[in-house]
C-alpha atoms as a PDB file:
ATOM      1  CA  MET A   1     137.474 101.587 147.049  1.00  0.00           C
ATOM      2  CA  THR A   2     138.376  98.405 148.911  1.00  0.00           C
ATOM      3  CA  GLY A   3     135.656  96.379 147.190  1.00  0.00           C
ATOM      4  CA  ILE A   4     136.868  96.406 143.561  1.00  0.00           C
ATOM      5  CA  ARG A   5     137.208  92.908 142.103  1.00  0.00           C
ATOM      6  CA  TRP A   6     138.214  92.072 138.534  1.00  0.00           C
ATOM      7  CA  ALA A   7     136.648  89.249 136.527  1.00  0.00           C
ATOM      8  CA  TYR A   8     136.606  88.158 132.912  1.00  0.00           C
ATOM      9  CA  ALA A   9     133.652  87.024 130.779  1.00  0.00           C
ATOM     10  CA  LEU A  10     133.878  83.625 129.102  1.00  0.00           C
ATOM     11  CA  ASN A  11     131.437  84.487 126.296  1.00  0.00           C
ATOM     12  CA  GLN A  12     134.200  85.110 123.739  1.00  0.00           C
ATOM     13  CA  TRP A  13     135.282  81.460 123.903  1.00  0.00           C
ATOM     14  CA  ASP A  14     131.783  80.164 123.224  1.00  0.00           C
ATOM     15  CA  THR A  15     131.481  80.982 119.524  1.00  0.00           C
ATOM     16  CA  ASN A  16     129.612  77.891 118.340  1.00  0.00           C
ATOM     17  CA  ILE A  17     127.629  75.052 119.873  1.00  0.00           C
ATOM     18  CA  ASP A  18     130.585  72.675 119.703  1.00  0.00           C
ATOM     19  CA  ALA A  19     133.424  75.155 120.240  1.00  0.00           C
ATOM     20  CA  PHE A  20     133.686  75.194 124.030  1.00  0.00           C
ATOM     21  CA  VAL A  21     132.354  71.989 125.504  1.00  0.00           C
ATOM     22  CA  ARG A  22     135.284  69.977 126.904  1.00  0.00           C
ATOM     23  CA  LYS A  23     136.745  70.258 130.394  1.00  0.00           C
ATOM     24  CA  ARG A  24     140.277  70.746 129.080  1.00  0.00           C
ATOM     25  CA  GLU A  25     139.118  73.704 126.973  1.00  0.00           C
ATOM     26  CA  HIS A  26     137.435  75.229 129.999  1.00  0.00           C
ATOM     27  CA  GLU A  27     140.524  74.759 132.163  1.00  0.00           C
ATOM     28  CA  ARG A  28     142.766  76.379 129.554  1.00  0.00           C
ATOM     29  CA  ALA A  29     140.432  79.361 129.516  1.00  0.00           C
ATOM     30  CA  PHE A  30     140.310  79.524 133.335  1.00  0.00           C
ATOM     31  CA  LYS A  31     144.092  79.445 133.582  1.00  0.00           C
ATOM     32  CA  THR A  32     144.423  82.125 130.911  1.00  0.00           C
ATOM     33  CA  VAL A  33     142.005  84.337 132.841  1.00  0.00           C
ATOM     34  CA  SER A  34     143.939  83.741 136.053  1.00  0.00           C
ATOM     35  CA  ILE A  35     147.434  84.421 134.717  1.00  0.00           C
ATOM     36  CA  SER A  36     146.074  87.579 133.082  1.00  0.00           C
ATOM     37  CA  GLY A  37     145.316  88.975 136.527  1.00  0.00           C
ATOM     38  CA  PHE A  38     141.593  88.289 136.963  1.00  0.00           C
ATOM     39  CA  SER A  39     140.114  86.535 139.986  1.00  0.00           C
ATOM     40  CA  ALA A  40     136.827  85.167 138.652  1.00  0.00           C
ATOM     41  CA  VAL A  41     134.810  84.454 135.519  1.00  0.00           C
ATOM     42  CA  GLU A  42     131.403  85.649 134.363  1.00  0.00           C
ATOM     43  CA  LEU A  43     129.094  83.038 132.801  1.00  0.00           C
ATOM     44  CA  THR A  44     126.182  83.399 130.387  1.00  0.00           C
ATOM     45  CA  ALA A  45     122.924  81.526 130.908  1.00  0.00           C
ATOM     46  CA  VAL A  46     122.368  79.430 127.781  1.00  0.00           C
ATOM     47  CA  SER A  47     119.945  76.603 127.083  1.00  0.00           C
ATOM     48  CA  PHE A  48     121.395  73.880 124.860  1.00  0.00           C
ATOM     49  CA  GLY A  49     122.021  70.929 127.106  1.00  0.00           C
ATOM     50  CA  ALA A  50     125.425  69.280 127.069  1.00  0.00           C
ATOM     51  CA  TRP A  51     126.523  71.568 124.231  1.00  0.00           C
ATOM     52  CA  GLU A  52     126.436  74.446 126.725  1.00  0.00           C
ATOM     53  CA  PRO A  53     127.999  72.757 129.780  1.00  0.00           C
ATOM     54  CA  LEU A  54     128.387  76.019 131.732  1.00  0.00           C
ATOM     55  CA  GLY A  55     125.044  77.471 130.645  1.00  0.00           C
ATOM     56  CA  THR A  56     122.944  76.361 133.610  1.00  0.00           C
ATOM     57  CA  PRO A  57     123.457  75.052 137.149  1.00  0.00           C
ATOM     58  CA  GLN A  58     122.141  71.671 135.988  1.00  0.00           C
ATOM     59  CA  GLN A  59     124.668  71.374 133.175  1.00  0.00           C
ATOM     60  CA  ILE A  60     127.509  72.381 135.494  1.00  0.00           C
ATOM     61  CA  THR A  61     126.384  69.714 137.939  1.00  0.00           C
ATOM     62  CA  ASP A  62     126.157  67.103 135.178  1.00  0.00           C
ATOM     63  CA  LEU A  63     129.717  67.880 134.082  1.00  0.00           C
ATOM     64  CA  HIS A  64     131.384  68.298 137.486  1.00  0.00           C
ATOM     65  CA  GLY A  65     129.187  66.306 139.841  1.00  0.00           C
ATOM     66  CA  SER A  66     128.110  69.374 141.809  1.00  0.00           C
ATOM     67  CA  LEU A  67     128.498  73.125 141.932  1.00  0.00           C
ATOM     68  CA  ASP A  68     131.080  72.640 144.668  1.00  0.00           C
ATOM     69  CA  GLY A  69     132.989  70.354 142.328  1.00  0.00           C
ATOM     70  CA  PHE A  70     133.017  73.060 139.673  1.00  0.00           C
ATOM     71  CA  ARG A  71     134.227  75.653 142.153  1.00  0.00           C
ATOM     72  CA  GLU A  72     137.080  73.360 143.118  1.00  0.00           C
ATOM     73  CA  VAL A  73     138.093  73.234 139.445  1.00  0.00           C
ATOM     74  CA  LEU A  74     138.115  77.031 139.371  1.00  0.00           C
ATOM     75  CA  ARG A  75     140.200  77.163 142.544  1.00  0.00           C
ATOM     76  CA  ALA A  76     142.651  74.668 141.067  1.00  0.00           C
ATOM     77  CA  CYS A  77     143.057  77.143 138.201  1.00  0.00           C
ATOM     78  CA  ALA A  78     143.768  79.940 140.746  1.00  0.00           C
ATOM     79  CA  LEU A  79     140.349  81.580 140.433  1.00  0.00           C
ATOM     80  CA  GLU A  80     138.029  82.447 143.319  1.00  0.00           C
ATOM     81  CA  GLY A  81     134.862  81.395 141.504  1.00  0.00           C
ATOM     82  CA  VAL A  82     132.115  82.892 139.359  1.00  0.00           C
ATOM     83  CA  SER A  83     131.469  86.605 139.699  1.00  0.00           C
ATOM     84  CA  SER A  84     128.107  86.760 137.970  1.00  0.00           C
ATOM     85  CA  TYR A  85     125.652  85.119 135.610  1.00  0.00           C
ATOM     86  CA  VAL A  86     124.053  86.914 132.645  1.00  0.00           C
ATOM     87  CA  TYR A  87     120.421  85.821 132.218  1.00  0.00           C
ATOM     88  CA  ASP A  88     118.144  86.718 129.299  1.00  0.00           C
ATOM     89  CA  PRO A  89     114.518  85.923 130.232  1.00  0.00           C
ATOM     90  CA  PHE A  90     113.645  85.548 126.552  1.00  0.00           C
ATOM     91  CA  VAL A  91     115.756  82.363 126.577  1.00  0.00           C
ATOM     92  CA  GLY A  92     113.784  79.407 127.886  1.00  0.00           C
ATOM     93  CA  PHE A  93     115.086  76.603 130.092  1.00  0.00           C
ATOM     94  CA  ASP A  94     112.036  74.318 130.238  1.00  0.00           C
ATOM     95  CA  VAL A  95     113.289  72.615 127.075  1.00  0.00           C
ATOM     96  CA  GLU A  96     116.612  72.984 125.275  1.00  0.00           C
ATOM     97  CA  MET A  97     116.674  76.038 123.015  1.00  0.00           C
ATOM     98  CA  GLY A  98     113.159  76.787 124.214  1.00  0.00           C
ATOM     99  CA  ARG A  99     111.324  80.079 124.190  1.00  0.00           C
ATOM    100  CA  GLY A 100     111.489  82.131 127.339  1.00  0.00           C
ATOM    101  CA  TYR A 101     109.204  84.700 128.909  1.00  0.00           C
ATOM    102  CA  ASP A 102     108.500  88.334 128.111  1.00  0.00           C
ATOM    103  CA  PRO A 103     108.929  90.519 131.224  1.00  0.00           C
ATOM    104  CA  LEU A 104     106.224  92.848 129.878  1.00  0.00           C
ATOM    105  CA  LEU A 105     103.616  90.181 130.622  1.00  0.00           C
ATOM    106  CA  GLU A 106     102.283  89.843 134.170  1.00  0.00           C
ATOM    107  CA  THR A 107     101.922  86.100 133.657  1.00  0.00           C
ATOM    108  CA  SER A 108     105.676  85.810 133.009  1.00  0.00           C
ATOM    109  CA  ILE A 109     106.765  87.122 136.393  1.00  0.00           C
ATOM    110  CA  PRO A 110     106.494  83.869 138.381  1.00  0.00           C
ATOM    111  CA  LYS A 111     108.525  81.886 135.836  1.00  0.00           C
ATOM    112  CA  ILE A 112     111.173  84.595 135.396  1.00  0.00           C
ATOM    113  CA  THR A 113     111.454  84.842 139.174  1.00  0.00           C
ATOM    114  CA  GLU A 114     111.799  81.077 139.534  1.00  0.00           C
ATOM    115  CA  THR A 115     114.546  80.946 136.906  1.00  0.00           C
ATOM    116  CA  ALA A 116     116.333  83.925 138.433  1.00  0.00           C
ATOM    117  CA  ARG A 117     116.310  82.190 141.828  1.00  0.00           C
ATOM    118  CA  TRP A 118     117.809  79.092 140.174  1.00  0.00           C
ATOM    119  CA  PHE A 119     120.765  81.064 138.905  1.00  0.00           C
ATOM    120  CA  ALA A 120     121.051  83.150 142.066  1.00  0.00           C
ATOM    121  CA  GLY A 121     121.310  80.010 144.173  1.00  0.00           C
ATOM    122  CA  ALA A 122     124.082  78.752 141.917  1.00  0.00           C
ATOM    123  CA  LEU A 123     125.906  82.051 142.217  1.00  0.00           C
ATOM    124  CA  ARG A 124     125.829  81.820 145.980  1.00  0.00           C
ATOM    125  CA  ALA A 125     127.468  78.383 145.761  1.00  0.00           C
ATOM    126  CA  LEU A 126     130.028  79.575 143.228  1.00  0.00           C
ATOM    127  CA  GLY A 127     131.135  82.719 145.069  1.00  0.00           C
ATOM    128  CA  GLY A 128     129.250  85.275 142.993  1.00  0.00           C
ATOM    129  CA  ASP A 129     126.761  87.924 143.992  1.00  0.00           C
ATOM    130  CA  VAL A 130     125.319  89.609 140.878  1.00  0.00           C
ATOM    131  CA  LEU A 131     122.634  88.370 138.482  1.00  0.00           C
ATOM    132  CA  VAL A 132     122.780  90.441 135.290  1.00  0.00           C
ATOM    133  CA  VAL A 133     119.514  90.428 133.339  1.00  0.00           C
ATOM    134  CA  ARG A 134     118.203  91.672 130.011  1.00  0.00           C
ATOM    135  CA  PRO A 135     115.304  93.823 131.166  1.00  0.00           C
ATOM    136  CA  ALA A 136     113.337  94.370 127.932  1.00  0.00           C
ATOM    137  CA  GLY A 137     113.050  93.251 124.344  1.00  0.00           C
ATOM    138  CA  SER A 138     114.567  94.910 121.320  1.00  0.00           C
ATOM    139  CA  ALA A 139     113.581  98.253 119.809  1.00  0.00           C
ATOM    140  CA  TRP A 140     112.324  96.683 116.588  1.00  0.00           C
ATOM    141  CA  GLN A 141     109.934  94.457 118.526  1.00  0.00           C
ATOM    142  CA  THR A 142     108.162  97.003 120.710  1.00  0.00           C
ATOM    143  CA  GLY A 143     109.060 100.471 119.516  1.00  0.00           C
ATOM    144  CA  PRO A 144     109.109 103.111 122.277  1.00  0.00           C
ATOM    145  CA  LEU A 145     107.788 101.761 125.556  1.00  0.00           C
ATOM    146  CA  SER A 146     104.670 103.370 126.974  1.00  0.00           C
ATOM    147  CA  ASP A 147     104.373 104.412 130.607  1.00  0.00           C
ATOM    148  CA  GLU A 148     102.205 101.340 131.188  1.00  0.00           C
ATOM    149  CA  GLN A 149     104.884  99.092 129.718  1.00  0.00           C
ATOM    150  CA  ILE A 150     107.576 100.706 131.843  1.00  0.00           C
ATOM    151  CA  GLU A 151     105.444 100.069 134.919  1.00  0.00           C
ATOM    152  CA  ALA A 152     104.971  96.446 133.855  1.00  0.00           C
ATOM    153  CA  LEU A 153     108.737  96.001 133.535  1.00  0.00           C
ATOM    154  CA  ALA A 154     109.242  97.647 136.912  1.00  0.00           C
ATOM    155  CA  ARG A 155     106.790  95.237 138.576  1.00  0.00           C
ATOM    156  CA  CYS A 156     108.653  92.292 137.087  1.00  0.00           C
ATOM    157  CA  TRP A 157     112.148  93.386 138.052  1.00  0.00           C
ATOM    158  CA  ASN A 158     111.173  94.644 141.513  1.00  0.00           C
ATOM    159  CA  THR A 159     109.735  91.186 142.177  1.00  0.00           C
ATOM    160  CA  VAL A 160     112.818  89.426 140.837  1.00  0.00           C
ATOM    161  CA  GLY A 161     115.148  91.770 142.717  1.00  0.00           C
ATOM    162  CA  ALA A 162     113.415  91.021 146.006  1.00  0.00           C
ATOM    163  CA  ALA A 163     113.562  87.280 145.317  1.00  0.00           C
ATOM    164  CA  VAL A 164     117.270  87.027 144.468  1.00  0.00           C
ATOM    165  CA  ALA A 165     118.153  89.274 147.397  1.00  0.00           C
ATOM    166  CA  GLU A 166     117.068  86.355 149.607  1.00  0.00           C
ATOM    167  CA  ASP A 167     120.094  84.511 148.188  1.00  0.00           C
ATOM    168  CA  GLY A 168     122.406  87.460 148.855  1.00  0.00           C
ATOM    169  CA  VAL A 169     122.516  88.283 145.153  1.00  0.00           C
ATOM    170  CA  ALA A 170     122.063  91.727 143.615  1.00  0.00           C
ATOM    171  CA  LEU A 171     119.987  92.227 140.473  1.00  0.00           C
ATOM    172  CA  ALA A 172     121.511  94.382 137.719  1.00  0.00           C
ATOM    173  CA  LEU A 173     119.707  95.399 134.527  1.00  0.00           C
ATOM    174  CA  HIS A 174     121.873  95.138 131.412  1.00  0.00           C
ATOM    175  CA  PHE A 175     121.200  97.712 128.687  1.00  0.00           C
ATOM    176  CA  ASP A 176     122.188  96.584 125.174  1.00  0.00           C
ATOM    177  CA  PHE A 177     122.491  98.755 122.079  1.00  0.00           C
ATOM    178  CA  LEU A 178     119.411  97.216 120.388  1.00  0.00           C
ATOM    179  CA  SER A 179     117.189  97.502 123.470  1.00  0.00           C
ATOM    180  CA  ALA A 180     113.788  99.167 123.348  1.00  0.00           C
ATOM    181  CA  LEU A 181     115.011 101.105 126.384  1.00  0.00           C
ATOM    182  CA  ARG A 182     117.162 103.249 124.085  1.00  0.00           C
ATOM    183  CA  LEU A 183     113.984 104.879 122.696  1.00  0.00           C
ATOM    184  CA  ASP A 184     112.177 107.781 124.377  1.00  0.00           C
ATOM    185  CA  ASN A 185     114.507 107.809 127.399  1.00  0.00           C
ATOM    186  CA  GLY A 186     113.336 104.318 128.310  1.00  0.00           C
ATOM    187  CA  LEU A 187     116.272 103.358 130.496  1.00  0.00           C
ATOM    188  CA  GLU A 188     116.038 106.489 132.632  1.00  0.00           C
ATOM    189  CA  ARG A 189     112.298 105.931 133.014  1.00  0.00           C
ATOM    190  CA  LEU A 190     112.735 102.307 134.060  1.00  0.00           C
ATOM    191  CA  LEU A 191     115.368 103.206 136.633  1.00  0.00           C
ATOM    192  CA  ALA A 192     113.027 105.842 138.039  1.00  0.00           C
ATOM    193  CA  ALA A 193     110.168 103.323 138.206  1.00  0.00           C
ATOM    194  CA  THR A 194     112.086 100.559 140.002  1.00  0.00           C
ATOM    195  CA  ASP A 195     113.084 100.291 143.636  1.00  0.00           C
ATOM    196  CA  PRO A 196     116.764 101.294 143.938  1.00  0.00           C
ATOM    197  CA  GLU A 197     117.158  98.925 146.875  1.00  0.00           C
ATOM    198  CA  LEU A 198     116.138  95.960 144.735  1.00  0.00           C
ATOM    199  CA  VAL A 199     117.084  96.818 141.163  1.00  0.00           C
ATOM    200  CA  GLY A 200     120.488  98.048 140.076  1.00  0.00           C
ATOM    201  CA  LEU A 201     122.204  98.603 136.744  1.00  0.00           C
ATOM    202  CA  ALA A 202     124.944  96.687 134.961  1.00  0.00           C
ATOM    203  CA  LEU A 203     126.780  99.337 132.982  1.00  0.00           C
ATOM    204  CA  ASP A 204     128.317  97.836 129.851  1.00  0.00           C
ATOM    205  CA  THR A 205     130.569 100.516 128.377  1.00  0.00           C
ATOM    206  CA  ALA A 206     130.460  99.293 124.768  1.00  0.00           C
ATOM    207  CA  GLU A 207     126.707  98.767 124.646  1.00  0.00           C
ATOM    208  CA  PHE A 208     126.154 102.331 125.868  1.00  0.00           C
ATOM    209  CA  ALA A 209     128.730 103.817 123.512  1.00  0.00           C
ATOM    210  CA  ILE A 210     127.462 101.993 120.411  1.00  0.00           C
ATOM    211  CA  ALA A 211     123.961 103.266 121.225  1.00  0.00           C
ATOM    212  CA  GLY A 212     125.373 106.811 121.223  1.00  0.00           C
ATOM    213  CA  MET A 213     125.217 107.172 125.013  1.00  0.00           C
ATOM    214  CA  ASP A 214     128.273 108.370 126.913  1.00  0.00           C
ATOM    215  CA  PRO A 215     129.020 105.765 129.623  1.00  0.00           C
ATOM    216  CA  VAL A 216     131.030 108.281 131.665  1.00  0.00           C
ATOM    217  CA  ASP A 217     128.163 110.769 131.740  1.00  0.00           C
ATOM    218  CA  PHE A 218     125.570 108.095 132.477  1.00  0.00           C
ATOM    219  CA  TYR A 219     127.618 106.599 135.281  1.00  0.00           C
ATOM    220  CA  THR A 220     128.277 110.011 136.798  1.00  0.00           C
ATOM    221  CA  ARG A 221     124.544 110.694 136.930  1.00  0.00           C
ATOM    222  CA  HIS A 222     123.543 107.234 138.133  1.00  0.00           C
ATOM    223  CA  ALA A 223     126.513 106.021 140.166  1.00  0.00           C
ATOM    224  CA  ALA A 224     124.314 104.992 143.077  1.00  0.00           C
ATOM    225  CA  ARG A 225     122.360 102.560 140.861  1.00  0.00           C
ATOM    226  CA  VAL A 226     125.351 100.814 139.268  1.00  0.00           C
ATOM    227  CA  ARG A 227     125.845  97.372 140.842  1.00  0.00           C
ATOM    228  CA  HIS A 228     128.012  95.871 138.136  1.00  0.00           C
ATOM    229  CA  VAL A 229     130.402  97.072 135.431  1.00  0.00           C
ATOM    230  CA  GLN A 230     131.323  95.402 132.152  1.00  0.00           C
ATOM    231  CA  LEU A 231     134.266  96.890 130.273  1.00  0.00           C
ATOM    232  CA  LYS A 232     134.612  96.513 126.537  1.00  0.00           C
ATOM    233  CA  ASP A 233     135.009  98.829 123.557  1.00  0.00           C
ATOM    234  CA  GLY A 234     133.113  99.511 120.345  1.00  0.00           C
ATOM    235  CA  ARG A 235     134.072 101.277 117.130  1.00  0.00           C
ATOM    236  CA  ALA A 236     130.796 101.861 115.297  1.00  0.00           C
ATOM    237  CA  LEU A 237     127.597 103.638 116.284  1.00  0.00           C
ATOM    238  CA  VAL A 238     124.064 102.305 115.828  1.00  0.00           C
ATOM    239  CA  ASP A 239     121.323 104.922 115.617  1.00  0.00           C
ATOM    240  CA  ASP A 240     117.652 104.446 116.488  1.00  0.00           C
ATOM    241  CA  GLU A 241     116.684 103.771 112.881  1.00  0.00           C
ATOM    242  CA  GLU A 242     119.197 100.956 112.493  1.00  0.00           C
ATOM    243  CA  ALA A 243     118.264  99.542 115.903  1.00  0.00           C
ATOM    244  CA  ARG A 244     114.668  99.262 114.680  1.00  0.00           C
ATOM    245  CA  THR A 245     115.641  97.135 111.683  1.00  0.00           C
ATOM    246  CA  SER A 246     113.486  94.007 111.569  1.00  0.00           C
ATOM    247  CA  HIS A 247     115.141  91.108 113.421  1.00  0.00           C
ATOM    248  CA  ALA A 248     118.027  93.376 114.388  1.00  0.00           C
ATOM    249  CA  GLU A 249     119.509  90.805 116.793  1.00  0.00           C
ATOM    250  CA  HIS A 250     120.403  88.687 113.799  1.00  0.00           C
ATOM    251  CA  PHE A 251     120.697  91.116 110.908  1.00  0.00           C
ATOM    252  CA  VAL A 252     122.556  93.899 112.754  1.00  0.00           C
ATOM    253  CA  ARG A 253     124.237  92.309 115.781  1.00  0.00           C
ATOM    254  CA  THR A 254     125.149  88.924 114.305  1.00  0.00           C
ATOM    255  CA  GLU A 255     125.473  89.636 110.580  1.00  0.00           C
ATOM    256  CA  GLY A 256     126.721  93.221 110.818  1.00  0.00           C
ATOM    257  CA  GLY A 257     123.765  94.927 109.184  1.00  0.00           C
ATOM    258  CA  ALA A 258     123.791  96.845 105.921  1.00  0.00           C
ATOM    259  CA  ARG A 259     127.303  98.161 106.711  1.00  0.00           C
ATOM    260  CA  GLY A 260     128.712  94.666 107.131  1.00  0.00           C
ATOM    261  CA  ILE A 261     130.259  95.323 110.556  1.00  0.00           C
ATOM    262  CA  LEU A 262     132.392  92.251 111.185  1.00  0.00           C
ATOM    263  CA  ARG A 263     132.906  92.805 114.906  1.00  0.00           C
ATOM    264  CA  TRP A 264     131.044  95.066 117.308  1.00  0.00           C
ATOM    265  CA  PHE A 265     133.085  94.584 120.490  1.00  0.00           C
ATOM    266  CA  PHE A 266     136.777  94.938 121.312  1.00  0.00           C
ATOM    267  CA  GLU A 267     139.202  94.784 124.224  1.00  0.00           C
ATOM    268  CA  PRO A 268     139.472  97.880 126.439  1.00  0.00           C
ATOM    269  CA  THR A 269     142.422  99.946 125.198  1.00  0.00           C
ATOM    270  CA  ASP A 270     143.310 103.550 124.456  1.00  0.00           C
ATOM    271  CA  GLU A 271     143.242 103.030 120.677  1.00  0.00           C
ATOM    272  CA  ASP A 272     140.574 103.863 118.082  1.00  0.00           C
ATOM    273  CA  GLY A 273     137.515 103.119 120.201  1.00  0.00           C
ATOM    274  CA  LEU A 274     134.359 104.881 121.339  1.00  0.00           C
ATOM    275  CA  VAL A 275     135.013 104.462 125.086  1.00  0.00           C
ATOM    276  CA  ASP A 276     137.386 106.595 127.152  1.00  0.00           C
ATOM    277  CA  PHE A 277     138.366 103.940 129.697  1.00  0.00           C
ATOM    278  CA  VAL A 278     140.636 106.203 131.696  1.00  0.00           C
ATOM    279  CA  ALA A 279     137.880 108.778 132.151  1.00  0.00           C
ATOM    280  CA  PHE A 280     135.397 106.039 133.006  1.00  0.00           C
ATOM    281  CA  THR A 281     137.700 104.477 135.587  1.00  0.00           C
ATOM    282  CA  GLU A 282     138.390 107.902 137.085  1.00  0.00           C
ATOM    283  CA  ALA A 283     134.623 108.336 137.428  1.00  0.00           C
ATOM    284  CA  LEU A 284     134.399 104.974 139.203  1.00  0.00           C
ATOM    285  CA  ALA A 285     137.131 106.139 141.579  1.00  0.00           C
ATOM    286  CA  ASP A 286     135.519 109.532 142.161  1.00  0.00           C
ATOM    287  CA  HIS A 287     132.198 107.950 143.113  1.00  0.00           C
ATOM    288  CA  GLY A 288     133.668 105.140 145.203  1.00  0.00           C
ATOM    289  CA  TYR A 289     132.419 102.257 143.084  1.00  0.00           C
ATOM    290  CA  SER A 290     132.615  98.928 144.892  1.00  0.00           C
ATOM    291  CA  GLY A 291     131.901  95.642 143.155  1.00  0.00           C
ATOM    292  CA  TRP A 292     132.841  93.540 140.172  1.00  0.00           C
ATOM    293  CA  ILE A 293     134.417  94.973 137.053  1.00  0.00           C
ATOM    294  CA  VAL A 294     134.103  92.355 134.334  1.00  0.00           C
ATOM    295  CA  VAL A 295     136.208  92.724 131.199  1.00  0.00           C
ATOM    296  CA  GLU A 296     134.735  91.386 127.969  1.00  0.00           C
ATOM    297  CA  SER A 297     135.760  90.977 124.368  1.00  0.00           C
ATOM    298  CA  ASP A 298     132.747  89.344 122.712  1.00  0.00           C
ATOM    299  CA  GLN A 299     133.432  88.086 119.192  1.00  0.00           C
ATOM    300  CA  SER A 300     137.190  88.032 119.631  1.00  0.00           C
ATOM    301  CA  PRO A 301     138.799  85.720 117.054  1.00  0.00           C
ATOM    302  CA  HIS A 302     141.665  85.097 119.499  1.00  0.00           C
ATOM    303  CA  PRO A 303     140.181  84.687 123.009  1.00  0.00           C
ATOM    304  CA  ALA A 304     143.413  83.953 124.869  1.00  0.00           C
ATOM    305  CA  GLU A 305     145.239  86.865 123.260  1.00  0.00           C
ATOM    306  CA  SER A 306     142.345  89.224 123.997  1.00  0.00           C
ATOM    307  CA  THR A 307     142.319  88.114 127.627  1.00  0.00           C
ATOM    308  CA  MET A 308     146.033  88.727 128.083  1.00  0.00           C
ATOM    309  CA  VAL A 309     145.921  92.093 126.285  1.00  0.00           C
ATOM    310  CA  SER A 310     143.020  93.112 128.512  1.00  0.00           C
ATOM    311  CA  GLY A 311     144.834  91.915 131.612  1.00  0.00           C
ATOM    312  CA  TRP A 312     147.886  93.985 130.759  1.00  0.00           C
ATOM    313  CA  TYR A 313     145.762  97.095 130.201  1.00  0.00           C
ATOM    314  CA  VAL A 314     143.893  96.592 133.458  1.00  0.00           C
ATOM    315  CA  GLN A 315     147.063  96.062 135.495  1.00  0.00           C
ATOM    316  CA  GLN A 316     149.133  98.799 133.873  1.00  0.00           C
ATOM    317  CA  VAL A 317     146.530 101.512 133.260  1.00  0.00           C
ATOM    318  CA  LEU A 318     143.142 101.063 134.943  1.00  0.00           C
ATOM    319  CA  ALA A 319     143.823  99.337 138.266  1.00  0.00           C
ATOM    320  CA  PRO A 320     146.461 101.939 139.289  1.00  0.00           C
ATOM    321  CA  ILE A 321     143.817 104.667 138.929  1.00  0.00           C
ATOM    322  CA  LEU A 322     141.625 102.874 141.466  1.00  0.00           C
ATOM    323  CA  GLU A 323     144.574 102.075 143.721  1.00  0.00           C
ATOM    324  CA  THR A 324     145.615 105.715 143.766  1.00  0.00           C
ATOM    325  CA  ALA A 325     142.093 106.772 144.692  1.00  0.00           C
ATOM    326  CA  ARG A 326     142.010 104.223 147.500  1.00  0.00           C
ATOM    327  CA  SER A 327     145.354 105.466 148.864  1.00  0.00           C
ATOM    328  CA  ILE A 328     144.127 109.043 148.915  1.00  0.00           C
ATOM    329  CA  ALA A 329     140.831 108.013 150.584  1.00  0.00           C
ATOM    330  CA  THR A 330     142.575 105.989 153.293  1.00  0.00           C
ATOM    331  CA  PRO A 331     145.866 107.707 154.158  1.00  0.00           C
ATOM    332  CA  VAL A 332     148.217 105.906 156.533  1.00  0.00           C
END
């Protein structure tokens, strides 16, 4: 239990293309994360040039002169660096807002691998060690994945996992509640088809819970594969039928679907949510989880407040559970 590190995701600040672009806005966010008790930030890979100044290594370099220059800014805000990058291969980086590559296609593997190495190299410079990736498209796009498609995904991510490992970075597949992997036991099948030494799992508590999957149960059964944890809550379930709604990323996730859900994700707390964070943290302690725990609150209308609320909950409720487990495991 000595390897637990707490980070916070910056995605909740980046709500529009012009909402989070200035250095002073970034530094306010970094300082808020730091005073809330977190030691690093998680970034999202986004392609929109100067309007997404933290979205790629190139944009960070353009803004700060170098990756080292950016890390010095983080250190000046009392943060160690960047814990992780979240990379969606369907987002392209050849041109701004370009189309990416489908990991189901054999011809996509070289380009996905090249892009993954780009971000992994940046992570190494910024103090991070996990590349979180979206492993498959959405349920409405593919329907249930065949065995051949699962094998195609496994070939892609085994290749990428081996490549980023050369940079000392672990690969972690991120399951989201609209993923095709929710159908026909797809996630379990993909984990079974990939090399556990090369391909891990990023367990996002809210995404699992909204999909009707118990994150505590899944972690307990797959603890050895979990390389990364993202903590956030959800309050509404999405079944397979709703997940297969045409263009669900926009109609369901962004617009709230037929039910008009205004916000899918919330801070980790003990109130009114789908996730039992105490039970989940106890499971992490029981299985000796070591790595980053990244707290998120996507879609928060008040990013700073959400960060501080989350920091209080981590320090007062969740971290003591892990500290107690560590004390028992290593008695004086």
